[in-house]
Amino acid sequence: MRLLAGCFALVTLVFIARVTAVDADPGKTADRDQILQLERDWTQSFVTMDVAANQRIVADDYLGTETDGKRINKAKLIANTQAAVERGAFGSPTFFVGNEMFFGKEQLREVEEMVTGK
């Protein structure tokens, strides 16, 4: 899930930069709208763990960086998402500690307790 959060943050920043640049030129409203729709589709595909939508949206030459600095390509991104779905993940954020699944940011306290044993 760290991967998904990192990818989402990076893509969001790229889209914000593009939308800001497009907003500077009022003649590019259609481009801005297309970028915003792609951002909504991207976000929805990760929130719902929609592997088919991820496959369609993510560029074939996609390269990302995980939070630990490792590089990831489209195939690995799709494989990671598919593996999460197969483990029972149904949305983002989903966290696994061993075989225990936690869903939602409000569960982070429970994840921390399980990991630290407190």
N, C-alpha and C. Protein backbone atom coordinates (compact mmCIF):
# COMPACT_ATOMS: atom_id res chain seq x y z
N MET A 1 0.81 -1.19 0.00
CA MET A 1 0.00 0.00 0.00
C MET A 1 0.86 1.26 0.00
N ARG A 2 2.09 1.17 0.55
CA ARG A 2 2.97 2.34 0.49
C ARG A 2 3.17 2.74 -0.96
N LEU A 3 3.26 1.75 -1.80
CA LEU A 3 3.45 2.01 -3.23
C LEU A 3 2.29 2.81 -3.79
N LEU A 4 1.08 2.38 -3.49
CA LEU A 4 -0.08 3.07 -4.03
C LEU A 4 -0.14 4.51 -3.54
N ALA A 5 0.15 4.72 -2.27
CA ALA A 5 0.13 6.08 -1.73
C ALA A 5 1.18 6.93 -2.40
N GLY A 6 2.38 6.37 -2.60
CA GLY A 6 3.46 7.12 -3.24
C GLY A 6 3.13 7.46 -4.68
N CYS A 7 2.58 6.50 -5.41
CA CYS A 7 2.22 6.74 -6.81
C CYS A 7 1.12 7.78 -6.91
N PHE A 8 0.12 7.65 -6.04
CA PHE A 8 -0.98 8.60 -6.05
C PHE A 8 -0.49 10.02 -5.79
N ALA A 9 0.39 10.17 -4.80
CA ALA A 9 0.91 11.49 -4.47
C ALA A 9 1.70 12.08 -5.64
N LEU A 10 2.53 11.29 -6.25
CA LEU A 10 3.35 11.78 -7.37
C LEU A 10 2.47 12.17 -8.55
N VAL A 11 1.54 11.34 -8.91
CA VAL A 11 0.67 11.63 -10.04
C VAL A 11 -0.17 12.87 -9.76
N THR A 12 -0.65 13.00 -8.53
CA THR A 12 -1.43 14.17 -8.16
C THR A 12 -0.61 15.44 -8.33
N LEU A 13 0.64 15.43 -7.90
CA LEU A 13 1.48 16.61 -8.06
C LEU A 13 1.71 16.95 -9.52
N VAL A 14 1.92 15.94 -10.34
CA VAL A 14 2.11 16.17 -11.77
C VAL A 14 0.86 16.79 -12.38
N PHE A 15 -0.30 16.27 -12.02
CA PHE A 15 -1.54 16.81 -12.57
C PHE A 15 -1.80 18.23 -12.08
N ILE A 16 -1.51 18.50 -10.83
CA ILE A 16 -1.68 19.86 -10.31
C ILE A 16 -0.81 20.83 -11.10
N ALA A 17 0.42 20.44 -11.36
CA ALA A 17 1.32 21.31 -12.13
C ALA A 17 0.77 21.53 -13.54
N ARG A 18 0.25 20.49 -14.16
CA ARG A 18 -0.28 20.62 -15.52
C ARG A 18 -1.54 21.47 -15.54
N VAL A 19 -2.43 21.25 -14.58
CA VAL A 19 -3.66 22.03 -14.53
C VAL A 19 -3.35 23.49 -14.27
N THR A 20 -2.40 23.77 -13.40
CA THR A 20 -2.01 25.15 -13.12
C THR A 20 -1.49 25.81 -14.39
N ALA A 21 -0.67 25.10 -15.14
CA ALA A 21 -0.13 25.65 -16.39
C ALA A 21 -1.25 25.90 -17.40
N VAL A 22 -2.20 24.98 -17.49
CA VAL A 22 -3.30 25.12 -18.43
C VAL A 22 -4.21 26.28 -18.02
N ASP A 23 -4.44 26.45 -16.71
CA ASP A 23 -5.28 27.55 -16.24
C ASP A 23 -4.72 28.90 -16.63
N ALA A 24 -3.41 29.00 -16.86
CA ALA A 24 -2.80 30.26 -17.26
C ALA A 24 -3.22 30.66 -18.67
N ASP A 25 -3.73 29.72 -19.47
CA ASP A 25 -4.16 29.99 -20.84
C ASP A 25 -5.64 29.61 -20.97
N PRO A 26 -6.53 30.61 -20.89
CA PRO A 26 -7.97 30.31 -20.93
C PRO A 26 -8.41 29.55 -22.17
N GLY A 27 -7.64 29.58 -23.23
CA GLY A 27 -8.00 28.87 -24.45
C GLY A 27 -7.83 27.36 -24.35
N LYS A 28 -7.30 26.90 -23.26
CA LYS A 28 -7.01 25.46 -23.12
C LYS A 28 -7.96 24.79 -22.13
N THR A 29 -9.18 25.25 -22.05
CA THR A 29 -10.16 24.70 -21.12
C THR A 29 -10.41 23.21 -21.39
N ALA A 30 -10.50 22.83 -22.65
CA ALA A 30 -10.75 21.42 -22.98
C ALA A 30 -9.60 20.54 -22.49
N ASP A 31 -8.36 21.02 -22.64
CA ASP A 31 -7.21 20.27 -22.14
C ASP A 31 -7.29 20.12 -20.62
N ARG A 32 -7.63 21.21 -19.96
CA ARG A 32 -7.74 21.18 -18.49
C ARG A 32 -8.80 20.18 -18.07
N ASP A 33 -9.95 20.22 -18.72
CA ASP A 33 -11.03 19.31 -18.38
C ASP A 33 -10.63 17.85 -18.60
N GLN A 34 -9.88 17.60 -19.68
CA GLN A 34 -9.42 16.24 -19.96
C GLN A 34 -8.43 15.77 -18.88
N ILE A 35 -7.54 16.65 -18.46
CA ILE A 35 -6.57 16.31 -17.42
C ILE A 35 -7.29 16.03 -16.11
N LEU A 36 -8.25 16.87 -15.77
CA LEU A 36 -9.00 16.68 -14.52
C LEU A 36 -9.79 15.37 -14.55
N GLN A 37 -10.37 15.03 -15.70
CA GLN A 37 -11.10 13.77 -15.81
C GLN A 37 -10.16 12.58 -15.65
N LEU A 38 -8.99 12.66 -16.25
CA LEU A 38 -8.01 11.59 -16.11
C LEU A 38 -7.58 11.44 -14.65
N GLU A 39 -7.41 12.56 -13.95
CA GLU A 39 -7.07 12.51 -12.53
C GLU A 39 -8.18 11.84 -11.73
N ARG A 40 -9.44 12.17 -12.03
CA ARG A 40 -10.56 11.53 -11.33
C ARG A 40 -10.58 10.02 -11.62
N ASP A 41 -10.36 9.65 -12.89
CA ASP A 41 -10.34 8.23 -13.26
C ASP A 41 -9.20 7.50 -12.55
N TRP A 42 -8.02 8.13 -12.52
CA TRP A 42 -6.85 7.54 -11.86
C TRP A 42 -7.14 7.31 -10.38
N THR A 43 -7.64 8.34 -9.72
CA THR A 43 -7.94 8.25 -8.29
C THR A 43 -8.97 7.16 -8.03
N GLN A 44 -10.05 7.16 -8.80
CA GLN A 44 -11.11 6.17 -8.62
C GLN A 44 -10.58 4.75 -8.84
N SER A 45 -9.72 4.56 -9.82
CA SER A 45 -9.20 3.22 -10.10
C SER A 45 -8.37 2.69 -8.94
N PHE A 46 -7.65 3.56 -8.25
CA PHE A 46 -6.86 3.11 -7.11
C PHE A 46 -7.69 2.96 -5.86
N VAL A 47 -8.67 3.83 -5.67
CA VAL A 47 -9.53 3.72 -4.50
C VAL A 47 -10.33 2.43 -4.56
N THR A 48 -10.78 2.06 -5.75
CA THR A 48 -11.61 0.86 -5.90
C THR A 48 -10.81 -0.38 -6.27
N MET A 49 -9.48 -0.22 -6.44
CA MET A 49 -8.60 -1.34 -6.79
C MET A 49 -9.03 -1.97 -8.12
N ASP A 50 -9.39 -1.14 -9.08
CA ASP A 50 -9.86 -1.58 -10.39
C ASP A 50 -8.65 -1.84 -11.30
N VAL A 51 -8.23 -3.08 -11.36
CA VAL A 51 -7.04 -3.46 -12.12
C VAL A 51 -7.20 -3.14 -13.60
N ALA A 52 -8.38 -3.40 -14.17
CA ALA A 52 -8.61 -3.13 -15.58
C ALA A 52 -8.48 -1.63 -15.88
N ALA A 53 -9.02 -0.79 -15.01
CA ALA A 53 -8.90 0.66 -15.21
C ALA A 53 -7.45 1.10 -15.07
N ASN A 54 -6.74 0.54 -14.11
CA ASN A 54 -5.31 0.87 -13.96
C ASN A 54 -4.56 0.50 -15.24
N GLN A 55 -4.86 -0.66 -15.78
CA GLN A 55 -4.21 -1.12 -17.01
C GLN A 55 -4.45 -0.14 -18.15
N ARG A 56 -5.67 0.38 -18.23
CA ARG A 56 -6.05 1.30 -19.30
C ARG A 56 -5.44 2.69 -19.09
N ILE A 57 -5.39 3.17 -17.86
CA ILE A 57 -4.99 4.54 -17.58
C ILE A 57 -3.47 4.71 -17.54
N VAL A 58 -2.77 3.75 -16.95
CA VAL A 58 -1.33 3.90 -16.75
C VAL A 58 -0.60 3.70 -18.09
N ALA A 59 0.30 4.61 -18.40
CA ALA A 59 1.07 4.54 -19.65
C ALA A 59 1.96 3.30 -19.66
N ASP A 60 2.16 2.73 -20.84
CA ASP A 60 3.00 1.54 -20.98
C ASP A 60 4.43 1.78 -20.52
N ASP A 61 4.92 3.01 -20.65
CA ASP A 61 6.30 3.32 -20.24
C ASP A 61 6.36 3.93 -18.83
N TYR A 62 5.30 3.72 -18.04
CA TYR A 62 5.24 4.24 -16.68
C TYR A 62 6.42 3.78 -15.84
N LEU A 63 7.00 4.69 -15.11
CA LEU A 63 8.02 4.38 -14.11
C LEU A 63 7.68 5.18 -12.86
N GLY A 64 7.65 4.52 -11.75
CA GLY A 64 7.37 5.17 -10.48
C GLY A 64 8.44 4.83 -9.48
N THR A 65 8.36 5.47 -8.35
CA THR A 65 9.30 5.21 -7.26
C THR A 65 8.50 4.90 -6.01
N GLU A 66 8.81 3.76 -5.39
CA GLU A 66 8.16 3.39 -4.15
C GLU A 66 8.74 4.24 -3.02
N THR A 67 8.07 4.22 -1.87
CA THR A 67 8.54 5.03 -0.74
C THR A 67 9.92 4.63 -0.25
N ASP A 68 10.34 3.40 -0.55
CA ASP A 68 11.68 2.96 -0.14
C ASP A 68 12.73 3.26 -1.22
N GLY A 69 12.33 3.96 -2.30
CA GLY A 69 13.26 4.35 -3.34
C GLY A 69 13.37 3.38 -4.50
N LYS A 70 12.74 2.21 -4.41
CA LYS A 70 12.79 1.25 -5.50
C LYS A 70 11.94 1.73 -6.67
N ARG A 71 12.44 1.47 -7.89
CA ARG A 71 11.71 1.84 -9.10
C ARG A 71 10.68 0.77 -9.41
N ILE A 72 9.58 1.18 -10.01
CA ILE A 72 8.51 0.26 -10.37
C ILE A 72 7.98 0.64 -11.75
N ASN A 73 7.67 -0.37 -12.57
CA ASN A 73 7.12 -0.11 -13.89
C ASN A 73 5.63 -0.48 -13.90
N LYS A 74 5.00 -0.32 -15.05
CA LYS A 74 3.57 -0.57 -15.16
C LYS A 74 3.23 -2.01 -14.80
N ALA A 75 3.99 -2.96 -15.30
CA ALA A 75 3.70 -4.37 -15.03
C ALA A 75 3.72 -4.67 -13.53
N LYS A 76 4.71 -4.11 -12.82
CA LYS A 76 4.81 -4.34 -11.38
C LYS A 76 3.68 -3.63 -10.63
N LEU A 77 3.33 -2.44 -11.07
CA LEU A 77 2.21 -1.71 -10.47
C LEU A 77 0.92 -2.51 -10.59
N ILE A 78 0.66 -3.02 -11.79
CA ILE A 78 -0.55 -3.82 -12.02
C ILE A 78 -0.49 -5.10 -11.22
N ALA A 79 0.68 -5.76 -11.18
CA ALA A 79 0.82 -7.00 -10.41
C ALA A 79 0.60 -6.75 -8.92
N ASN A 80 1.12 -5.66 -8.40
CA ASN A 80 0.92 -5.33 -6.98
C ASN A 80 -0.55 -5.08 -6.68
N THR A 81 -1.22 -4.38 -7.56
CA THR A 81 -2.65 -4.11 -7.37
C THR A 81 -3.44 -5.41 -7.43
N GLN A 82 -3.13 -6.27 -8.41
CA GLN A 82 -3.82 -7.55 -8.53
C GLN A 82 -3.58 -8.42 -7.30
N ALA A 83 -2.35 -8.43 -6.79
CA ALA A 83 -2.03 -9.23 -5.60
C ALA A 83 -2.83 -8.72 -4.40
N ALA A 84 -2.97 -7.42 -4.27
CA ALA A 84 -3.75 -6.85 -3.16
C ALA A 84 -5.21 -7.26 -3.27
N VAL A 85 -5.76 -7.22 -4.49
CA VAL A 85 -7.15 -7.63 -4.71
C VAL A 85 -7.31 -9.10 -4.35
N GLU A 86 -6.36 -9.93 -4.77
CA GLU A 86 -6.44 -11.37 -4.47
C GLU A 86 -6.35 -11.65 -2.98
N ARG A 87 -5.70 -10.78 -2.22
CA ARG A 87 -5.63 -10.94 -0.76
C ARG A 87 -6.89 -10.43 -0.07
N GLY A 88 -7.77 -9.80 -0.83
CA GLY A 88 -9.02 -9.32 -0.25
C GLY A 88 -9.17 -7.82 -0.16
N ALA A 89 -8.18 -7.08 -0.62
CA ALA A 89 -8.28 -5.62 -0.60
C ALA A 89 -9.40 -5.20 -1.54
N PHE A 90 -10.18 -4.25 -1.11
CA PHE A 90 -11.30 -3.80 -1.92
C PHE A 90 -11.30 -2.29 -2.11
N GLY A 91 -10.29 -1.63 -1.63
CA GLY A 91 -10.20 -0.19 -1.77
C GLY A 91 -8.93 0.32 -1.13
N SER A 92 -8.73 1.60 -1.23
CA SER A 92 -7.52 2.21 -0.70
C SER A 92 -7.91 3.26 0.33
N PRO A 93 -7.26 3.29 1.47
CA PRO A 93 -6.06 2.54 1.81
C PRO A 93 -6.40 1.21 2.49
N THR A 94 -5.72 0.18 2.08
CA THR A 94 -5.81 -1.13 2.71
C THR A 94 -4.41 -1.51 3.17
N PHE A 95 -4.32 -2.01 4.39
CA PHE A 95 -3.04 -2.40 4.97
C PHE A 95 -3.11 -3.86 5.39
N PHE A 96 -2.03 -4.58 5.19
CA PHE A 96 -1.92 -5.96 5.65
C PHE A 96 -0.78 -6.05 6.65
N VAL A 97 -1.05 -6.70 7.77
CA VAL A 97 -0.01 -7.07 8.73
C VAL A 97 -0.14 -8.58 8.87
N GLY A 98 0.80 -9.29 8.25
CA GLY A 98 0.65 -10.74 8.15
C GLY A 98 -0.58 -11.02 7.30
N ASN A 99 -1.51 -11.78 7.84
CA ASN A 99 -2.75 -12.08 7.13
C ASN A 99 -3.89 -11.19 7.55
N GLU A 100 -3.65 -10.30 8.51
CA GLU A 100 -4.69 -9.40 9.00
C GLU A 100 -4.82 -8.19 8.09
N MET A 101 -6.05 -7.90 7.66
CA MET A 101 -6.29 -6.77 6.77
C MET A 101 -6.96 -5.63 7.53
N PHE A 102 -6.50 -4.41 7.26
CA PHE A 102 -7.08 -3.20 7.83
C PHE A 102 -7.44 -2.28 6.68
N PHE A 103 -8.64 -1.69 6.77
CA PHE A 103 -9.08 -0.78 5.70
C PHE A 103 -9.40 0.58 6.30
N GLY A 104 -8.89 1.61 5.67
CA GLY A 104 -9.20 2.98 6.06
C GLY A 104 -8.15 3.59 6.95
N LYS A 105 -7.98 4.90 6.81
CA LYS A 105 -6.94 5.58 7.57
C LYS A 105 -7.21 5.57 9.06
N GLU A 106 -8.47 5.45 9.47
CA GLU A 106 -8.77 5.39 10.89
C GLU A 106 -8.25 4.11 11.54
N GLN A 107 -7.87 3.14 10.72
CA GLN A 107 -7.33 1.88 11.22
C GLN A 107 -5.83 1.93 11.47
N LEU A 108 -5.18 3.03 11.13
CA LEU A 108 -3.73 3.12 11.30
C LEU A 108 -3.29 2.89 12.74
N ARG A 109 -4.08 3.35 13.70
CA ARG A 109 -3.75 3.13 15.10
C ARG A 109 -3.70 1.63 15.40
N GLU A 110 -4.67 0.88 14.87
CA GLU A 110 -4.70 -0.57 15.09
C GLU A 110 -3.53 -1.26 14.38
N VAL A 111 -3.16 -0.78 13.20
CA VAL A 111 -2.01 -1.33 12.49
C VAL A 111 -0.76 -1.12 13.34
N GLU A 112 -0.59 0.09 13.86
CA GLU A 112 0.58 0.39 14.69
C GLU A 112 0.60 -0.50 15.94
N GLU A 113 -0.55 -0.68 16.57
CA GLU A 113 -0.61 -1.53 17.76
C GLU A 113 -0.23 -2.97 17.44
N MET A 114 -0.68 -3.47 16.30
CA MET A 114 -0.35 -4.84 15.92
C MET A 114 1.12 -4.99 15.62
N VAL A 115 1.71 -4.01 14.94
CA VAL A 115 3.11 -4.08 14.57
C VAL A 115 4.01 -3.95 15.79
N THR A 116 3.68 -3.01 16.68
CA THR A 116 4.53 -2.75 17.84
C THR A 116 4.21 -3.66 19.02
N GLY A 117 3.05 -4.33 18.97
CA GLY A 117 2.67 -5.21 20.07
C GLY A 117 2.13 -4.49 21.27
N LYS A 118 1.81 -3.20 21.13
CA LYS A 118 1.28 -2.41 22.26
C LYS A 118 -0.21 -2.31 22.21
